[in-house]
Amino acid sequence: MSESRRNAGEPREVELKLACAGPDLTVLAAHPRLPGAADVEPEQLISAYYDTANRDLQAAGLTLRVRAKGGRHIQTVKAGAGNIGLFDRAEWETEIASEDPDPAAWAGTAAEAVLREADAPVERLFSTVVMRREIPIIQGESWILVTLDEGRVESPSGAAPLCEIELELQEGDPADLFQLAQALAETVPLHLSVYSKSAIGFALIDGGGRSIVKSEAIDLPDDASAGTVFRAVARACLRHMRLNETVFLEDGQPPEALHQIRVALRRLRSALSLFAPMLAGDPRAVSFADEIKRVTEPFGEGRNLDVFLGHTLPDLMKERPDEAGLDGLRERAEAERERAYAVVLSTLQSPQWRSLIIDFAGWVETGAWTTQAAAAEDGRDFAVRVLDTARERLRKRGRGLKHLDPHTRHRARIAAKKLRYGAEFFAGLYHKKKARRRQEKFGDALSDLQDHLGALNDLETARAMTESLSGPPMPGSDDPSAQELLKAAADARSDLLDLKPFWR
């Protein structure tokens, strides 16, 4: 058992979940790193998931499951819903007499207090039927149980296929889980899993499936260290990206999915920049930031063309109904967008991209930065320094905003965006009502500033894009509408800087 698991005050599960397609499991069964896997007879597992009618366990981030295996019934309570990458979570397993949940078996688990307060019976909501192969292997200095699962999730509202790989650490170093994942990913396309079996089941009974998601608030303990905050932020960004990447790849490449992928990656790069003082002793931080920026640079072109075709050009066509050449401009822009989307799709489907994401996730969990003293600094102390610096950078870059050229104005916009992301990253450390009220005012003021600067950036992007596509001239910074936006942005910046920072 790993050191982290030995020292825990409760039973824990440490595993890496990877998503794949059904045929990939057949290929993996013959992988040289999984000796004997092809000879392992699959075992059928039937698992039923329970909760109260009000989903009290789900709201608390818990799952309650009863699994039938080899004539036995195992009741399990798990914590830590909504994770990605490395799952290091509390898990309580007890053999019970039948397929019905046993209250005595959840006594002493995290579910006990939740169900006591709910004072409501649990009911069966959905189930999974899985054919499973288990292969124990040695990777590095670690003992890992590799599980190949293929089956389906069943609910009264319908069913969904299920195919995943679990690498569970039995003993050793979590870094070996990621090394094994990279070795397996060289043979078949593996992705960090973001949909647990229970998440798929809840989506089914809610009548929904995969959906485009925005960034979510990051839950942090009051005493979180700087390292704890960074890991939580990085995980949240990876989850945000992967959820939308799945929608983009499997649901027809909707433009909003691409937009949210870009937002997630910008937030991730901002996190690497904001936490740079803490990560300074680990050179991989800079290399990851550079590589993510390089690989995803083309995504911006696709998004810019989406905005141009979805908003800018239709507005222009309404304003200039008799303008010659606008139809041709639209056709050229559509062709360019098709080309840009092909680049995005090729990138997201490439082994290099999947390897980069798995490698980054492994670094977040086990990189050299985790052992450095800077990671143990109090999170609030670190937040004060980081947010003060970001606020001061915006103050300097936005000075004389109404008279800045587009390039310098863009730098001010980036400073505002980084301050906003930083404020969101650290918000979970400040729970008192006064701090929350300040957060809300600060967030509203930042959003106002970003909206004006974003609108100005869209105008400049549209002008440059129209010029590159040989379209008619577009308004520049001296246009009255642009001047109004500049004045509004300058006023919003002044209002923001007048507010007392919520982190102080």
Protein backbone atom coordinates (compact mmCIF):
# COMPACT_ATOMS: atom_id res chain seq x y z
CA MET A 1 0.00 0.00 0.00
CA SER A 2 1.26 3.49 -0.84
CA GLU A 3 2.56 5.77 1.88
CA SER A 4 -0.34 8.18 1.38
CA ARG A 5 -2.83 5.38 1.86
CA ARG A 6 -1.08 3.98 4.93
CA ASN A 7 -1.15 7.38 6.61
CA ALA A 8 -4.79 8.11 5.83
CA GLY A 9 -7.29 8.01 8.67
CA GLU A 10 -9.87 6.23 6.49
CA PRO A 11 -9.79 3.52 3.79
CA ARG A 12 -8.83 5.07 0.46
CA GLU A 13 -8.83 4.22 -3.21
CA VAL A 14 -6.08 5.58 -5.46
CA GLU A 15 -6.73 5.01 -9.15
CA LEU A 16 -6.45 6.54 -12.60
CA LYS A 17 -9.49 6.27 -14.88
CA LEU A 18 -9.14 6.29 -18.66
CA ALA A 19 -11.87 6.32 -21.30
CA CYS A 20 -11.66 4.32 -24.53
CA ALA A 21 -13.79 2.52 -27.13
CA GLY A 22 -14.86 -1.13 -26.99
CA PRO A 23 -12.47 -2.43 -29.69
CA ASP A 24 -9.58 -0.78 -27.85
CA LEU A 25 -10.02 -3.19 -24.95
CA THR A 26 -9.41 -6.13 -27.28
CA VAL A 27 -6.19 -4.51 -28.48
CA LEU A 28 -5.11 -3.74 -24.91
CA ALA A 29 -5.71 -7.33 -23.85
CA ALA A 30 -2.78 -8.24 -26.11
CA HIS A 31 -0.54 -5.40 -24.91
CA PRO A 32 2.91 -6.55 -23.72
CA ARG A 33 2.52 -4.47 -20.54
CA LEU A 34 -0.55 -6.58 -19.64
CA PRO A 35 0.80 -10.14 -19.78
CA GLY A 36 -1.87 -12.80 -19.71
CA ALA A 37 -4.75 -10.34 -20.10
CA ALA A 38 -6.11 -12.11 -23.18
CA ASP A 39 -6.39 -15.34 -21.17
CA VAL A 40 -8.34 -13.75 -18.31
CA GLU A 41 -11.96 -14.83 -18.43
CA PRO A 42 -14.23 -11.76 -18.11
CA GLU A 43 -16.40 -11.73 -15.01
CA GLN A 44 -19.87 -10.22 -15.00
CA LEU A 45 -20.50 -7.57 -12.36
CA ILE A 46 -23.95 -6.14 -11.69
CA SER A 47 -23.98 -3.00 -9.56
CA ALA A 48 -26.99 -1.06 -8.30
CA TYR A 49 -26.69 2.60 -7.27
CA TYR A 50 -28.84 4.10 -4.53
CA ASP A 51 -29.74 7.53 -3.19
CA THR A 52 -32.62 9.30 -1.55
CA ALA A 53 -35.38 10.81 -3.66
CA ASN A 54 -33.77 14.23 -3.12
CA ARG A 55 -30.30 12.96 -4.10
CA ASP A 56 -28.78 13.86 -0.75
CA LEU A 57 -25.77 11.60 -1.26
CA GLN A 58 -25.07 12.98 -4.72
CA ALA A 59 -25.27 16.54 -3.35
CA ALA A 60 -22.67 15.60 -0.75
CA GLY A 61 -20.33 14.14 -3.39
CA LEU A 62 -20.99 10.54 -2.31
CA THR A 63 -22.17 7.38 -4.02
CA LEU A 64 -23.77 4.28 -2.51
CA ARG A 65 -23.45 1.07 -4.51
CA VAL A 66 -24.25 -2.61 -4.00
CA ARG A 67 -22.35 -4.95 -6.33
CA ALA A 68 -23.10 -8.60 -7.02
CA LYS A 69 -19.88 -10.52 -7.61
CA GLY A 70 -19.39 -14.27 -7.51
CA GLY A 71 -22.46 -14.87 -5.37
CA ARG A 72 -21.44 -12.18 -2.86
CA HIS A 73 -22.86 -8.69 -2.31
CA ILE A 74 -20.46 -5.82 -1.60
CA GLN A 75 -21.81 -2.49 -0.41
CA THR A 76 -19.56 0.49 -1.16
CA VAL A 77 -19.64 4.14 -0.21
CA LYS A 78 -17.33 6.40 -2.24
CA ALA A 79 -16.44 10.06 -1.84
CA GLY A 80 -15.07 12.50 -4.39
CA ALA A 81 -17.53 12.87 -7.25
CA GLY A 82 -16.58 15.06 -10.20
CA ASN A 83 -12.87 14.25 -10.24
CA ILE A 84 -10.51 13.84 -13.16
CA GLY A 85 -7.15 12.19 -13.48
CA LEU A 86 -5.97 10.68 -10.23
CA PHE A 87 -8.80 9.63 -7.91
CA ASP A 88 -7.52 9.60 -4.35
CA ARG A 89 -10.69 9.27 -2.33
CA ALA A 90 -12.27 7.68 0.68
CA GLU A 91 -13.89 4.32 0.03
CA TRP A 92 -15.71 2.01 2.46
CA GLU A 93 -16.52 -1.56 1.39
CA THR A 94 -18.52 -4.11 3.38
CA GLU A 95 -19.93 -7.49 2.45
CA ILE A 96 -23.67 -7.62 3.13
CA ALA A 97 -26.29 -10.34 3.09
CA SER A 98 -28.37 -9.39 0.05
CA GLU A 99 -28.72 -6.96 -2.85
CA ASP A 100 -30.57 -4.49 -0.63
CA PRO A 101 -28.44 -1.79 1.07
CA ASP A 102 -27.68 -2.42 4.73
CA PRO A 103 -27.76 0.67 7.00
CA ALA A 104 -25.42 -1.06 9.43
CA ALA A 105 -22.79 -1.22 6.67
CA TRP A 106 -22.79 2.51 6.05
CA ALA A 107 -22.43 3.30 9.74
CA GLY A 108 -19.08 4.97 10.31
CA THR A 109 -18.83 6.12 6.69
CA ALA A 110 -19.31 9.59 5.23
CA ALA A 111 -22.82 8.55 4.18
CA GLU A 112 -24.04 8.00 7.74
CA ALA A 113 -24.43 11.67 8.73
CA VAL A 114 -25.91 12.62 5.34
CA LEU A 115 -28.57 9.93 5.46
CA ARG A 116 -29.33 10.57 9.12
CA GLU A 117 -29.99 14.25 8.39
CA ALA A 118 -31.98 13.43 5.26
CA ASP A 119 -34.19 11.06 7.28
CA ALA A 120 -35.38 9.43 4.06
CA PRO A 121 -35.06 5.93 2.63
CA VAL A 122 -32.66 5.17 -0.18
CA GLU A 123 -34.01 3.84 -3.45
CA ARG A 124 -32.46 2.11 -6.44
CA LEU A 125 -31.88 4.66 -9.23
CA PHE A 126 -29.84 2.86 -11.90
CA SER A 127 -27.45 -0.03 -12.38
CA THR A 128 -24.43 -1.13 -14.38
CA VAL A 129 -23.79 -4.45 -16.08
CA VAL A 130 -20.10 -4.89 -16.81
CA MET A 131 -17.83 -7.61 -18.11
CA ARG A 132 -14.57 -7.10 -16.26
CA ARG A 133 -11.04 -8.36 -16.60
CA GLU A 134 -8.51 -7.75 -13.82
CA ILE A 135 -4.78 -8.00 -14.43
CA PRO A 136 -2.28 -7.36 -11.61
CA ILE A 137 1.06 -6.03 -12.84
CA ILE A 138 4.27 -4.47 -11.61
CA GLN A 139 5.13 -1.00 -12.94
CA GLY A 140 8.35 0.49 -11.66
CA GLU A 141 8.29 -0.10 -7.92
CA SER A 142 4.49 -0.30 -7.76
CA TRP A 143 1.87 -3.00 -7.74
CA ILE A 144 -1.07 -1.96 -9.92
CA LEU A 145 -4.39 -3.67 -10.61
CA VAL A 146 -5.46 -3.01 -14.20
CA THR A 147 -9.20 -3.32 -14.79
CA LEU A 148 -10.76 -3.51 -18.26
CA ASP A 149 -14.50 -2.79 -18.13
CA GLU A 150 -17.03 -3.04 -20.94
CA GLY A 151 -20.78 -2.98 -20.51
CA ARG A 152 -23.63 -0.55 -20.06
CA VAL A 153 -25.39 1.69 -17.59
CA GLU A 154 -29.12 0.96 -17.31
CA SER A 155 -31.86 3.21 -15.97
CA PRO A 156 -35.64 3.57 -16.30
CA SER A 157 -34.91 6.40 -18.75
CA GLY A 158 -32.64 4.41 -21.04
CA ALA A 159 -29.17 2.91 -21.29
CA ALA A 160 -25.68 4.05 -22.26
CA PRO A 161 -22.55 2.11 -23.24
CA LEU A 162 -19.67 1.92 -20.82
CA CYS A 163 -16.03 1.33 -21.66
CA GLU A 164 -13.13 2.29 -19.42
CA ILE A 165 -9.79 1.29 -17.95
CA GLU A 166 -8.96 1.66 -14.29
CA LEU A 167 -5.41 1.58 -13.00
CA GLU A 168 -5.67 1.11 -9.24
CA LEU A 169 -2.60 1.53 -7.05
CA GLN A 170 -2.31 -1.37 -4.67
CA GLU A 171 1.10 -0.39 -3.38
CA GLY A 172 3.77 2.07 -4.46
CA ASP A 173 4.03 5.45 -6.19
CA PRO A 174 1.07 7.15 -7.97
CA ALA A 175 3.51 8.40 -10.62
CA ASP A 176 3.71 4.81 -11.89
CA LEU A 177 0.00 4.93 -12.75
CA PHE A 178 0.66 7.72 -15.25
CA GLN A 179 3.73 6.01 -16.67
CA LEU A 180 1.66 2.89 -17.31
CA ALA A 181 -1.12 5.00 -18.84
CA GLN A 182 1.37 6.56 -21.26
CA ALA A 183 2.66 3.13 -22.28
CA LEU A 184 -0.87 1.85 -22.96
CA ALA A 185 -1.84 5.07 -24.78
CA GLU A 186 0.89 4.43 -27.35
CA THR A 187 -1.23 1.55 -28.64
CA VAL A 188 -4.83 2.83 -28.40
CA PRO A 189 -6.40 6.28 -27.98
CA LEU A 190 -6.91 6.75 -24.23
CA HIS A 191 -8.34 9.88 -22.63
CA LEU A 192 -8.53 11.00 -19.02
CA SER A 193 -11.99 9.92 -17.92
CA VAL A 194 -14.42 12.58 -16.72
CA TYR A 195 -17.61 10.52 -16.64
CA SER A 196 -17.77 8.07 -13.75
CA LYS A 197 -20.28 5.23 -13.88
CA SER A 198 -22.49 7.08 -11.43
CA ALA A 199 -22.27 10.33 -13.41
CA ILE A 200 -23.49 8.52 -16.54
CA GLY A 201 -26.33 6.98 -14.54
CA PHE A 202 -27.47 10.28 -13.07
CA ALA A 203 -27.34 11.90 -16.51
CA LEU A 204 -29.57 9.14 -17.87
CA ILE A 205 -32.26 9.46 -15.24
CA ASP A 206 -32.18 13.24 -15.62
CA GLY A 207 -32.94 12.78 -19.30
CA GLY A 208 -29.72 14.35 -20.48
CA GLY A 209 -26.40 13.31 -21.87
CA ARG A 210 -23.19 15.08 -22.55
CA SER A 211 -23.53 18.84 -22.45
CA ILE A 212 -21.39 21.91 -22.94
CA VAL A 213 -20.29 23.22 -19.55
CA LYS A 214 -18.76 26.41 -18.22
CA SER A 215 -16.12 26.69 -15.53
CA GLU A 216 -17.35 25.89 -12.03
CA ALA A 217 -16.53 27.35 -8.64
CA ILE A 218 -13.57 25.63 -6.97
CA ASP A 219 -14.23 24.25 -3.52
CA LEU A 220 -11.28 24.79 -1.16
CA PRO A 221 -10.68 24.10 2.54
CA ASP A 222 -10.05 27.19 4.67
CA ASP A 223 -6.55 26.02 5.55
CA ALA A 224 -5.55 25.10 1.99
CA SER A 225 -1.89 25.50 1.11
CA ALA A 226 -0.77 27.17 -2.11
CA GLY A 227 -0.06 23.71 -3.54
CA THR A 228 -3.53 22.44 -2.63
CA VAL A 229 -5.11 25.44 -4.38
CA PHE A 230 -3.00 24.95 -7.51
CA ARG A 231 -3.84 21.26 -7.75
CA ALA A 232 -7.56 21.98 -7.30
CA VAL A 233 -7.42 24.70 -9.97
CA ALA A 234 -5.49 22.54 -12.44
CA ARG A 235 -7.89 19.64 -11.95
CA ALA A 236 -10.87 21.94 -12.49
CA CYS A 237 -9.37 23.31 -15.70
CA LEU A 238 -8.61 19.82 -17.00
CA ARG A 239 -12.13 18.65 -16.19
CA HIS A 240 -13.64 21.74 -17.86
CA MET A 241 -11.54 21.09 -20.96
CA ARG A 242 -12.20 17.34 -21.15
CA LEU A 243 -15.96 17.63 -20.70
CA ASN A 244 -16.18 20.04 -23.63
CA GLU A 245 -13.60 18.16 -25.67
CA THR A 246 -15.82 15.08 -25.46
CA VAL A 247 -18.82 17.08 -26.70
CA PHE A 248 -16.76 18.60 -29.52
CA LEU A 249 -15.42 15.24 -30.70
CA GLU A 250 -18.60 13.21 -30.35
CA ASP A 251 -21.48 15.64 -30.90
CA GLY A 252 -20.78 17.36 -34.19
CA GLN A 253 -18.12 19.94 -33.21
CA PRO A 254 -20.44 22.65 -31.85
CA PRO A 255 -18.78 26.11 -31.79
CA GLU A 256 -19.62 26.70 -28.12
CA ALA A 257 -17.72 23.51 -27.19
CA LEU A 258 -14.62 24.86 -28.91
CA HIS A 259 -15.08 28.16 -27.10
CA GLN A 260 -15.23 26.42 -23.72
CA ILE A 261 -12.18 24.30 -24.57
CA ARG A 262 -10.28 27.54 -25.22
CA VAL A 263 -11.59 29.11 -21.99
CA ALA A 264 -10.45 26.07 -20.00
CA LEU A 265 -6.99 26.15 -21.57
CA ARG A 266 -6.63 29.91 -21.07
CA ARG A 267 -7.54 29.44 -17.42
CA LEU A 268 -4.99 26.64 -17.18
CA ARG A 269 -2.23 28.75 -18.71
CA SER A 270 -3.20 31.65 -16.43
CA ALA A 271 -2.90 29.32 -13.44
CA LEU A 272 0.61 28.31 -14.51
CA SER A 273 1.49 32.00 -14.78
CA LEU A 274 -0.14 33.11 -11.53
CA PHE A 275 1.40 30.23 -9.57
CA ALA A 276 4.80 30.68 -11.22
CA PRO A 277 6.45 31.89 -7.97
CA MET A 278 5.45 28.61 -6.32
CA LEU A 279 6.40 26.49 -9.35
CA ALA A 280 9.73 28.23 -10.00
CA GLY A 281 11.78 25.28 -8.79
CA ASP A 282 10.18 22.91 -11.30
CA PRO A 283 11.25 23.64 -14.91
CA ARG A 284 8.43 21.51 -16.31
CA ALA A 285 5.95 24.25 -15.38
CA VAL A 286 7.34 26.57 -18.05
CA SER A 287 7.65 23.79 -20.63
CA PHE A 288 4.03 22.76 -20.12
CA ALA A 289 2.82 26.35 -20.45
CA ASP A 290 4.79 26.79 -23.68
CA GLU A 291 3.69 23.49 -25.16
CA ILE A 292 -0.01 23.98 -24.39
CA LYS A 293 0.14 27.45 -25.96
CA ARG A 294 1.96 26.16 -29.05
CA VAL A 295 -0.31 23.20 -29.67
CA THR A 296 -3.58 25.09 -29.17
CA GLU A 297 -2.68 28.32 -30.99
CA PRO A 298 -4.82 27.33 -34.03
CA PHE A 299 -7.91 26.99 -31.80
CA GLY A 300 -8.11 30.78 -31.62
CA GLU A 301 -8.53 31.11 -35.37
CA GLY A 302 -11.52 28.77 -35.34
CA ARG A 303 -13.13 30.68 -32.50
CA ASN A 304 -12.51 34.07 -34.17
CA LEU A 305 -14.18 32.82 -37.34
CA ASP A 306 -17.14 31.55 -35.31
CA VAL A 307 -17.64 35.01 -33.83
CA PHE A 308 -17.14 36.67 -37.21
CA LEU A 309 -19.66 34.43 -38.99
CA GLY A 310 -22.12 34.22 -36.13
CA HIS A 311 -22.21 37.87 -35.05
CA THR A 312 -19.95 40.36 -36.81
CA LEU A 313 -20.78 39.55 -40.43
CA PRO A 314 -24.57 39.21 -39.94
CA ASP A 315 -24.61 42.61 -38.23
CA LEU A 316 -22.55 44.08 -41.07
CA MET A 317 -24.90 42.64 -43.68
CA LYS A 318 -27.87 44.25 -41.92
CA GLU A 319 -26.10 47.60 -41.76
CA ARG A 320 -24.95 47.44 -45.40
CA PRO A 321 -27.58 45.46 -47.30
CA ASP A 322 -26.39 46.79 -50.63
CA GLU A 323 -22.68 46.28 -49.98
CA ALA A 324 -21.14 44.36 -52.84
CA GLY A 325 -18.94 41.44 -51.96
CA LEU A 326 -20.38 40.49 -48.54
CA ASP A 327 -21.74 37.18 -49.80
CA GLY A 328 -18.34 36.35 -51.19
CA LEU A 329 -16.76 37.37 -47.91
CA ARG A 330 -19.05 34.97 -46.07
CA GLU A 331 -18.15 32.12 -48.41
CA ARG A 332 -14.42 32.74 -47.91
CA ALA A 333 -14.87 32.95 -44.15
CA GLU A 334 -16.83 29.68 -44.10
CA ALA A 335 -14.09 27.97 -46.07
CA GLU A 336 -11.49 29.30 -43.65
CA ARG A 337 -13.53 28.13 -40.67
CA GLU A 338 -13.81 24.64 -42.17
CA ARG A 339 -10.05 24.57 -42.57
CA ALA A 340 -9.49 25.85 -39.01
CA TYR A 341 -11.87 23.26 -37.57
CA ALA A 342 -10.03 20.52 -39.43
CA VAL A 343 -6.83 21.61 -37.67
CA VAL A 344 -8.59 21.63 -34.28
CA LEU A 345 -10.06 18.18 -34.89
CA SER A 346 -6.72 16.80 -36.04
CA THR A 347 -5.03 18.17 -32.92
CA LEU A 348 -7.60 16.78 -30.48
CA GLN A 349 -7.50 13.36 -32.15
CA SER A 350 -3.70 13.16 -32.21
CA PRO A 351 -1.67 10.85 -29.95
CA GLN A 352 0.57 13.82 -29.12
CA TRP A 353 -2.37 15.76 -27.64
CA ARG A 354 -3.62 12.82 -25.56
CA SER A 355 -0.08 12.17 -24.34
CA LEU A 356 0.38 15.83 -23.39
CA ILE A 357 -2.81 15.87 -21.31
CA ILE A 358 -1.99 12.61 -19.50
CA ASP A 359 1.57 13.84 -18.90
CA PHE A 360 0.32 17.16 -17.54
CA ALA A 361 -2.22 15.46 -15.27
CA GLY A 362 0.55 13.24 -13.91
CA TRP A 363 2.74 16.26 -13.26
CA VAL A 364 -0.08 18.02 -11.40
CA GLU A 365 -0.38 15.04 -9.06
CA THR A 366 3.21 13.88 -8.69
CA GLY A 367 5.55 16.52 -10.18
CA ALA A 368 8.69 17.81 -8.48
CA TRP A 369 6.83 20.97 -7.42
CA THR A 370 4.75 18.94 -4.94
CA THR A 371 7.79 18.29 -2.72
CA GLN A 372 9.06 21.87 -2.58
CA ALA A 373 8.61 24.12 0.44
CA ALA A 374 6.82 26.80 -1.60
CA ALA A 375 3.87 24.47 -2.14
CA ALA A 376 3.27 24.30 1.62
CA GLU A 377 2.82 28.08 2.02
CA ASP A 378 -0.50 29.22 3.43
CA GLY A 379 -2.93 29.65 0.54
CA ARG A 380 -4.24 33.03 1.69
CA ASP A 381 -0.78 34.49 2.13
CA PHE A 382 0.09 33.34 -1.36
CA ALA A 383 -3.20 34.70 -2.74
CA VAL A 384 -2.54 38.17 -1.34
CA ARG A 385 0.80 38.43 -3.13
CA VAL A 386 -0.47 37.00 -6.41
CA LEU A 387 -3.66 39.04 -6.58
CA ASP A 388 -1.95 42.25 -5.49
CA THR A 389 0.58 41.76 -8.30
CA ALA A 390 -2.14 41.06 -10.86
CA ARG A 391 -4.15 44.10 -9.77
CA GLU A 392 -1.10 46.34 -10.00
CA ARG A 393 -0.30 45.01 -13.47
CA LEU A 394 -3.80 45.93 -14.64
CA ARG A 395 -3.47 49.38 -13.10
CA LYS A 396 -0.23 50.03 -15.00
CA ARG A 397 -1.23 48.49 -18.32
CA GLY A 398 -4.59 50.21 -18.36
CA ARG A 399 -3.27 53.70 -17.63
CA GLY A 400 -4.55 56.10 -20.31
CA LEU A 401 -6.79 53.35 -21.69
CA LYS A 402 -8.75 55.65 -24.01
CA HIS A 403 -5.58 56.53 -25.90
CA LEU A 404 -3.86 53.14 -26.10
CA ASP A 405 -3.14 51.50 -29.45
CA PRO A 406 -4.84 48.11 -30.09
CA HIS A 407 -1.74 46.06 -29.18
CA THR A 408 -1.21 47.80 -25.81
CA ARG A 409 -4.95 47.72 -25.14
CA HIS A 410 -4.88 43.97 -25.76
CA ARG A 411 -2.18 43.62 -23.09
CA ALA A 412 -4.46 45.45 -20.67
CA ARG A 413 -7.27 43.06 -21.59
CA ILE A 414 -5.04 40.07 -20.87
CA ALA A 415 -4.10 41.59 -17.49
CA ALA A 416 -7.80 42.02 -16.65
CA LYS A 417 -8.54 38.46 -17.68
CA LYS A 418 -5.69 37.08 -15.57
CA LEU A 419 -6.84 39.07 -12.55
CA ARG A 420 -10.36 37.74 -13.01
CA TYR A 421 -9.17 34.14 -13.25
CA GLY A 422 -6.96 34.60 -10.20
CA ALA A 423 -9.86 36.07 -8.22
CA GLU A 424 -11.98 33.05 -9.18
CA PHE A 425 -9.21 30.56 -8.37
CA PHE A 426 -8.74 31.86 -4.82
CA ALA A 427 -12.37 32.80 -4.09
CA GLY A 428 -13.00 29.53 -2.24
CA LEU A 429 -10.56 30.57 0.50
CA TYR A 430 -12.81 33.47 1.56
CA HIS A 431 -16.07 32.28 3.06
CA LYS A 432 -17.14 35.12 5.34
CA LYS A 433 -20.13 37.20 4.28
CA LYS A 434 -18.18 40.44 4.04
CA ALA A 435 -15.54 38.85 1.82
CA ARG A 436 -18.22 37.25 -0.34
CA ARG A 437 -19.98 40.59 -0.83
CA ARG A 438 -16.67 42.13 -1.86
CA GLN A 439 -16.04 39.20 -4.19
CA GLU A 440 -19.37 39.75 -5.90
CA LYS A 441 -18.75 43.48 -6.41
CA PHE A 442 -15.21 42.83 -7.57
CA GLY A 443 -16.36 40.14 -10.00
CA ASP A 444 -19.09 42.34 -11.44
CA ALA A 445 -16.66 45.23 -11.97
CA LEU A 446 -14.10 42.94 -13.62
CA SER A 447 -16.78 41.42 -15.83
CA ASP A 448 -17.90 44.89 -16.88
CA LEU A 449 -14.35 45.86 -17.81
CA GLN A 450 -13.77 42.62 -19.69
CA ASP A 451 -17.00 42.99 -21.65
CA HIS A 452 -15.95 46.41 -22.96
CA LEU A 453 -12.39 45.35 -23.69
CA GLY A 454 -13.66 42.13 -25.31
CA ALA A 455 -16.01 44.08 -27.57
CA LEU A 456 -13.11 46.32 -28.62
CA ASN A 457 -10.97 43.26 -29.29
CA ASP A 458 -13.75 41.73 -31.40
CA LEU A 459 -13.89 44.91 -33.50
CA GLU A 460 -10.15 44.84 -34.06
CA THR A 461 -10.18 41.10 -34.84
CA ALA A 462 -13.07 41.56 -37.28
CA ARG A 463 -11.22 44.41 -39.01
CA ALA A 464 -8.06 42.33 -39.39
CA MET A 465 -10.02 39.27 -40.51
CA THR A 466 -12.02 41.19 -43.12
CA GLU A 467 -8.82 42.65 -44.47
CA SER A 468 -7.16 39.22 -44.67
CA LEU A 469 -10.23 37.84 -46.51
CA SER A 470 -10.25 40.79 -48.95
CA GLY A 471 -13.54 42.15 -47.68
CA PRO A 472 -14.79 45.75 -47.46
CA PRO A 473 -13.17 48.12 -44.94
CA MET A 474 -14.34 47.79 -41.33
CA PRO A 475 -14.52 50.54 -38.67
CA GLY A 476 -11.31 51.22 -36.74
CA SER A 477 -10.54 52.63 -33.30
CA ASP A 478 -11.67 56.10 -34.38
CA ASP A 479 -15.20 54.90 -35.10
CA PRO A 480 -17.82 56.48 -32.73
CA SER A 481 -18.94 53.09 -31.42
CA ALA A 482 -15.34 52.17 -30.64
CA GLN A 483 -14.81 55.50 -28.88
CA GLU A 484 -17.88 54.84 -26.72
CA LEU A 485 -16.51 51.43 -25.78
CA LEU A 486 -13.12 52.93 -24.92
CA LYS A 487 -14.72 55.47 -22.61
CA ALA A 488 -16.86 52.79 -20.96
CA ALA A 489 -13.80 50.56 -20.51
CA ALA A 490 -11.80 53.38 -18.93
CA ASP A 491 -14.66 54.15 -16.54
CA ALA A 492 -15.01 50.45 -15.65
CA ARG A 493 -11.29 50.23 -14.90
CA SER A 494 -11.50 53.23 -12.57
CA ASP A 495 -14.53 51.72 -10.80
CA LEU A 496 -12.67 48.43 -10.36
CA LEU A 497 -9.53 50.02 -8.91
CA ASP A 498 -11.66 52.02 -6.47
CA LEU A 499 -12.98 48.81 -4.90
CA LYS A 500 -11.33 47.35 -1.82
CA PRO A 501 -9.81 43.97 -2.73
CA PHE A 502 -11.77 41.11 -1.17
CA TRP A 503 -8.53 39.26 -0.33
CA ARG A 504 -7.43 41.94 2.12
